[in-house]
Amino acid sequence: MHTADVNGVTLAYDDRGPTDGVPVLLVHGHPFNRTLWRPQAQALTSAGYRVITPDLRGYGASPATGDIVYLADFADDLVGLLDHLGMAKAVIGGVSMGGQITMELHSRHPHRVAAMVLSDTSAPAETAEGKLFRRHLADRLLGEGMDGYAGEVIGKMLAAYNVSALPDVAEHVLTMMRTTDPRAAAAALRGRAERADYRAHLAKVDVPVLLLVGADDVYTTVADTEEIQRHVRHARIAVIGRAGHLPGVEQPEEFNRHLLQFLARELPVGTQGTAAQ
């Protein structure tokens, strides 16, 4: 694990693979940490890509800061990390909240993005009902901690059938959720409630885009992903069978196959200069 001081915060991150490989920065969702991407980091580095997996501020080994953290704060932190690593641009990929951070990063810093990978995420702004839910959940997590919440949502984070079918995966996901600092979770929930509507911006995206979604995702459905594709018509979409909201850990082989095919087509190993300089 490495650390970098950016924007007044300390980010923990892993940096794996050849230093001259095409850089791929993967952004975890809420309430997880960088270990969510272990299957992808292994596959990508084996294929010759350089993989950076940070803990967002407040998650994993990155300390919590403040009562509210906006998606713009997370996005600017990631650009600060690219600066720290001397990378002009990278492939940016994210799941769920991480996908929204990826869209926010592209809207704020489009020249830093070589390609986007959006997994199990949605583009519209939060609804009034959703804002209220996130604010109430933030208060609840501060009062109760993460354990009860983790137990309630594990059957939605993973497809319900995978909780029993993939016990090691379920335990990993539960551990990430239970060990997240409630202060950071609450701050992110409050900030995410105020997120922008990314649909108009998506129509302007001219970099390669891969859309991935679990067939049985109940949080961000296949229809949500298809809506993104309607705005980014050149985007490629892959529906991962036998998976819910986290197909990268539920069906890593299929997820990685689509990811590697996309990168090999759009930014093959050996084109590092176009992505990082």
Protein backbone atom coordinates (compact mmCIF):
# COMPACT_ATOMS: atom_id res chain seq x y z
CA MET A 1 0.00 0.00 0.00
CA HIS A 2 1.11 3.53 -0.81
CA THR A 3 -0.18 6.89 0.39
CA ALA A 4 -0.42 10.28 -1.27
CA ASP A 5 -1.32 13.67 0.18
CA VAL A 6 -3.71 15.41 -2.21
CA ASN A 7 -6.17 18.25 -1.68
CA GLY A 8 -5.51 18.27 2.04
CA VAL A 9 -6.34 14.56 2.48
CA THR A 10 -4.30 11.38 2.58
CA LEU A 11 -5.27 8.69 0.11
CA ALA A 12 -4.19 5.09 0.46
CA TYR A 13 -3.76 3.27 -2.82
CA ASP A 14 -2.25 0.25 -4.53
CA ASP A 15 -0.21 0.67 -7.71
CA ARG A 16 0.37 -2.62 -9.49
CA GLY A 17 1.72 -3.74 -12.82
CA PRO A 18 4.45 -2.48 -15.14
CA THR A 19 5.22 1.22 -14.73
CA ASP A 20 5.14 1.62 -18.52
CA GLY A 21 1.76 -0.09 -18.87
CA VAL A 22 -1.45 1.69 -19.89
CA PRO A 23 -2.74 3.13 -16.59
CA VAL A 24 -6.16 2.02 -15.37
CA LEU A 25 -7.57 3.73 -12.27
CA LEU A 26 -10.47 1.83 -10.65
CA VAL A 27 -12.87 3.55 -8.25
CA HIS A 28 -14.77 1.51 -5.67
CA GLY A 29 -18.34 2.15 -4.63
CA HIS A 30 -20.02 2.79 -1.29
CA PRO A 31 -19.37 1.52 1.34
CA PHE A 32 -16.39 -0.47 0.11
CA ASN A 33 -12.66 -0.01 -0.40
CA ARG A 34 -9.92 -0.69 -2.91
CA THR A 35 -9.88 -4.46 -2.22
CA LEU A 36 -13.15 -4.69 -4.14
CA TRP A 37 -11.04 -4.59 -7.30
CA ARG A 38 -8.66 -7.45 -6.48
CA PRO A 39 -9.93 -9.77 -9.26
CA GLN A 40 -9.63 -6.99 -11.84
CA ALA A 41 -6.23 -5.81 -10.62
CA GLN A 42 -4.85 -9.33 -10.95
CA ALA A 43 -6.25 -9.87 -14.44
CA LEU A 44 -5.23 -6.47 -15.75
CA THR A 45 -1.68 -6.55 -14.41
CA SER A 46 -1.24 -10.06 -15.81
CA ALA A 47 -2.21 -8.60 -19.19
CA GLY A 48 0.38 -5.82 -18.90
CA TYR A 49 -1.71 -2.91 -17.65
CA ARG A 50 -0.78 -0.67 -14.74
CA VAL A 51 -3.61 -0.65 -12.19
CA ILE A 52 -4.18 2.01 -9.54
CA THR A 53 -6.83 1.23 -6.92
CA PRO A 54 -7.30 4.00 -4.32
CA ASP A 55 -9.32 4.07 -1.14
CA LEU A 56 -11.58 7.09 -1.52
CA ARG A 57 -11.30 9.63 1.28
CA GLY A 58 -12.83 8.12 4.41
CA TYR A 59 -12.88 4.56 3.07
CA GLY A 60 -10.46 1.74 3.74
CA ALA A 61 -7.15 3.13 4.95
CA SER A 62 -7.90 6.73 3.85
CA PRO A 63 -8.95 8.88 6.86
CA ALA A 64 -12.38 10.46 7.02
CA THR A 65 -12.73 14.23 6.57
CA GLY A 66 -15.69 16.51 7.21
CA ASP A 67 -19.45 16.09 7.48
CA ILE A 68 -20.17 16.09 3.76
CA VAL A 69 -18.09 14.96 0.80
CA TYR A 70 -19.36 15.71 -2.69
CA LEU A 71 -18.69 13.60 -5.75
CA ALA A 72 -16.65 16.55 -7.01
CA ASP A 73 -14.37 16.20 -3.98
CA PHE A 74 -13.77 12.54 -4.73
CA ALA A 75 -13.17 13.30 -8.41
CA ASP A 76 -10.68 16.07 -7.67
CA ASP A 77 -8.87 13.76 -5.22
CA LEU A 78 -8.42 11.23 -8.00
CA VAL A 79 -7.04 13.86 -10.36
CA GLY A 80 -4.67 14.84 -7.55
CA LEU A 81 -3.58 11.22 -7.35
CA LEU A 82 -2.93 11.17 -11.10
CA ASP A 83 -0.82 14.31 -10.64
CA HIS A 84 1.06 12.64 -7.78
CA LEU A 85 1.80 9.67 -10.04
CA GLY A 86 2.80 11.87 -12.97
CA MET A 87 -0.02 10.63 -15.19
CA ALA A 88 -1.58 13.04 -17.65
CA LYS A 89 -4.53 10.72 -18.21
CA ALA A 90 -5.74 7.20 -17.51
CA VAL A 91 -8.58 4.83 -18.14
CA ILE A 92 -11.03 5.58 -15.32
CA GLY A 93 -13.46 2.91 -14.19
CA GLY A 94 -15.95 2.86 -11.35
CA VAL A 95 -18.78 0.81 -9.89
CA SER A 96 -21.98 2.28 -8.42
CA MET A 97 -20.96 5.51 -6.62
CA GLY A 98 -17.55 4.99 -8.22
CA GLY A 99 -19.21 5.15 -11.62
CA GLN A 100 -20.85 8.43 -10.69
CA ILE A 101 -17.48 9.73 -9.52
CA THR A 102 -16.05 8.66 -12.88
CA MET A 103 -18.74 10.64 -14.71
CA GLU A 104 -18.11 13.62 -12.42
CA LEU A 105 -14.37 13.38 -13.07
CA HIS A 106 -14.93 13.39 -16.82
CA SER A 107 -17.27 16.36 -16.57
CA ARG A 108 -14.69 18.35 -14.60
CA HIS A 109 -11.46 17.07 -16.13
CA PRO A 110 -12.24 15.47 -19.53
CA HIS A 111 -8.64 15.75 -20.72
CA ARG A 112 -7.52 13.39 -17.92
CA VAL A 113 -9.72 10.51 -19.12
CA ALA A 114 -8.51 8.14 -21.85
CA ALA A 115 -11.56 5.89 -21.59
CA MET A 116 -14.37 5.17 -19.14
CA VAL A 117 -15.66 1.94 -17.63
CA LEU A 118 -19.01 2.36 -15.88
CA SER A 119 -20.32 -0.59 -13.87
CA ASP A 120 -23.74 -0.77 -12.23
CA THR A 121 -24.30 2.95 -11.97
CA SER A 122 -26.86 5.57 -12.96
CA ALA A 123 -26.68 9.02 -14.52
CA PRO A 124 -29.72 11.07 -13.30
CA ALA A 125 -29.61 13.38 -10.31
CA GLU A 126 -31.05 12.09 -7.06
CA THR A 127 -34.82 12.30 -6.64
CA ALA A 128 -36.40 14.20 -3.76
CA GLU A 129 -37.31 10.87 -2.16
CA GLY A 130 -33.79 9.60 -2.70
CA LYS A 131 -32.26 12.68 -1.10
CA LEU A 132 -34.40 12.19 1.99
CA PHE A 133 -33.49 8.51 2.16
CA ARG A 134 -29.75 9.19 1.93
CA ARG A 135 -29.88 11.88 4.61
CA HIS A 136 -31.84 9.64 6.98
CA LEU A 137 -29.48 6.75 6.31
CA ALA A 138 -26.51 9.01 7.07
CA ASP A 139 -28.02 9.87 10.45
CA ARG A 140 -28.76 6.22 11.13
CA LEU A 141 -25.22 5.08 10.36
CA LEU A 142 -23.78 7.73 12.65
CA GLY A 143 -26.05 6.56 15.44
CA GLU A 144 -25.94 2.79 14.94
CA GLY A 145 -22.75 2.02 13.04
CA MET A 146 -22.43 -0.09 9.91
CA ASP A 147 -23.16 -3.63 11.09
CA GLY A 148 -26.95 -3.65 10.95
CA TYR A 149 -27.02 -1.87 7.61
CA ALA A 150 -24.48 -4.31 6.13
CA GLY A 151 -26.61 -7.28 7.10
CA GLU A 152 -29.70 -5.70 5.60
CA VAL A 153 -28.24 -4.92 2.18
CA ILE A 154 -25.89 -7.82 1.49
CA GLY A 155 -28.67 -9.55 -0.48
CA LYS A 156 -28.92 -6.48 -2.72
CA MET A 157 -25.23 -5.71 -3.05
CA LEU A 158 -24.86 -9.25 -4.32
CA ALA A 159 -27.64 -11.08 -6.08
CA ALA A 160 -29.54 -12.76 -3.25
CA TYR A 161 -28.68 -16.25 -4.52
CA ASN A 162 -24.96 -15.41 -4.49
CA VAL A 163 -24.92 -14.67 -0.76
CA SER A 164 -25.11 -18.41 -0.13
CA ALA A 165 -23.58 -19.59 -3.39
CA LEU A 166 -20.45 -17.44 -2.94
CA PRO A 167 -19.82 -17.35 0.83
CA ASP A 168 -16.24 -16.06 0.58
CA VAL A 169 -17.35 -13.21 -1.66
CA ALA A 170 -20.25 -12.40 0.64
CA GLU A 171 -17.93 -12.33 3.65
CA HIS A 172 -15.50 -10.02 1.85
CA VAL A 173 -18.29 -7.61 0.92
CA LEU A 174 -19.72 -7.71 4.43
CA THR A 175 -16.29 -7.04 5.93
CA MET A 176 -15.73 -4.03 3.70
CA MET A 177 -19.11 -2.59 4.67
CA ARG A 178 -18.78 -3.30 8.39
CA THR A 179 -15.32 -1.79 8.64
CA THR A 180 -16.14 1.45 6.80
CA ASP A 181 -16.00 4.49 9.08
CA PRO A 182 -19.63 5.57 9.67
CA ARG A 183 -18.56 9.21 9.56
CA ALA A 184 -17.20 8.75 6.06
CA ALA A 185 -20.23 6.78 4.93
CA ALA A 186 -22.54 9.51 6.23
CA ALA A 187 -20.50 12.28 4.61
CA ALA A 188 -20.58 10.52 1.24
CA LEU A 189 -24.31 9.84 1.47
CA ARG A 190 -25.00 13.51 2.10
CA GLY A 191 -22.78 14.58 -0.78
CA ARG A 192 -24.12 11.96 -3.17
CA ALA A 193 -27.65 13.16 -2.49
CA GLU A 194 -26.66 16.44 -4.16
CA ARG A 195 -25.08 14.93 -7.26
CA ALA A 196 -25.57 16.40 -10.70
CA ASP A 197 -27.58 14.97 -13.57
CA TYR A 198 -24.89 13.60 -15.86
CA ARG A 199 -27.08 12.79 -18.85
CA ALA A 200 -26.51 16.01 -20.78
CA HIS A 201 -22.76 15.72 -20.28
CA LEU A 202 -22.72 12.09 -21.37
CA ALA A 203 -23.90 13.12 -24.81
CA LYS A 204 -20.62 15.03 -25.20
CA VAL A 205 -18.35 12.13 -24.23
CA ASP A 206 -16.01 11.25 -27.09
CA VAL A 207 -13.72 8.72 -25.37
CA PRO A 208 -14.34 4.97 -25.52
CA VAL A 209 -16.91 3.81 -22.95
CA LEU A 210 -17.69 0.33 -21.64
CA LEU A 211 -20.90 -0.25 -19.69
CA LEU A 212 -21.19 -3.29 -17.45
CA VAL A 213 -24.15 -4.36 -15.32
CA GLY A 214 -25.25 -7.40 -13.37
CA ALA A 215 -28.34 -8.99 -14.89
CA ASP A 216 -30.02 -9.11 -11.48
CA ASP A 217 -28.88 -5.75 -10.09
CA VAL A 218 -31.78 -4.30 -8.08
CA TYR A 219 -30.05 -1.00 -7.26
CA THR A 220 -28.98 0.10 -10.72
CA THR A 221 -30.79 -2.05 -13.22
CA VAL A 222 -30.07 -3.08 -16.76
CA ALA A 223 -32.55 -0.36 -17.76
CA ASP A 224 -30.44 2.25 -15.94
CA THR A 225 -27.41 1.13 -17.90
CA GLU A 226 -29.32 1.16 -21.17
CA GLU A 227 -30.30 4.75 -20.42
CA ILE A 228 -26.62 5.68 -20.20
CA GLN A 229 -26.06 4.00 -23.56
CA ARG A 230 -28.82 6.09 -25.11
CA HIS A 231 -26.78 9.17 -24.23
CA VAL A 232 -23.41 7.66 -25.18
CA ARG A 233 -24.37 5.90 -28.37
CA HIS A 234 -20.88 4.64 -29.09
CA ALA A 235 -20.68 2.93 -25.68
CA ARG A 236 -20.45 -0.84 -25.59
CA ILE A 237 -22.67 -2.64 -23.09
CA ALA A 238 -22.29 -6.06 -21.46
CA VAL A 239 -24.86 -7.66 -19.16
CA ILE A 240 -23.22 -10.06 -16.70
CA GLY A 241 -25.39 -13.08 -15.94
CA ARG A 242 -25.80 -14.53 -12.44
CA ALA A 243 -24.75 -11.26 -10.81
CA GLY A 244 -26.25 -8.37 -8.90
CA HIS A 245 -24.80 -4.95 -8.06
CA LEU A 246 -21.16 -6.10 -7.88
CA PRO A 247 -20.54 -8.32 -10.90
CA GLY A 248 -16.79 -7.73 -10.67
CA VAL A 249 -16.67 -9.96 -7.59
CA GLU A 250 -19.71 -12.13 -8.29
CA GLN A 251 -18.64 -13.17 -11.80
CA PRO A 252 -15.06 -11.92 -12.11
CA GLU A 253 -14.08 -14.11 -15.06
CA GLU A 254 -16.89 -12.82 -17.28
CA PHE A 255 -16.48 -9.25 -16.05
CA ASN A 256 -12.75 -9.36 -16.71
CA ARG A 257 -13.22 -10.89 -20.14
CA HIS A 258 -15.35 -7.95 -21.27
CA LEU A 259 -13.00 -5.46 -19.62
CA LEU A 260 -9.87 -6.93 -21.21
CA GLN A 261 -11.51 -7.16 -24.63
CA PHE A 262 -12.54 -3.52 -24.40
CA LEU A 263 -9.08 -2.35 -23.38
CA ALA A 264 -7.33 -4.53 -25.95
CA ARG A 265 -9.49 -2.97 -28.65
CA GLU A 266 -9.33 0.65 -27.48
CA LEU A 267 -6.04 0.96 -25.56
CA PRO A 268 -3.93 -2.12 -26.11
CA VAL A 269 -0.76 -2.76 -24.17
CA GLY A 270 2.02 -0.82 -25.87
CA THR A 271 0.01 2.41 -26.27
CA GLN A 272 1.03 3.77 -22.86
CA GLY A 273 2.13 7.06 -24.31
CA THR A 274 -1.39 7.89 -25.47
CA ALA A 275 -2.84 7.26 -22.03
CA ALA A 276 -0.26 8.51 -19.59
CA GLN A 277 1.69 11.33 -21.14
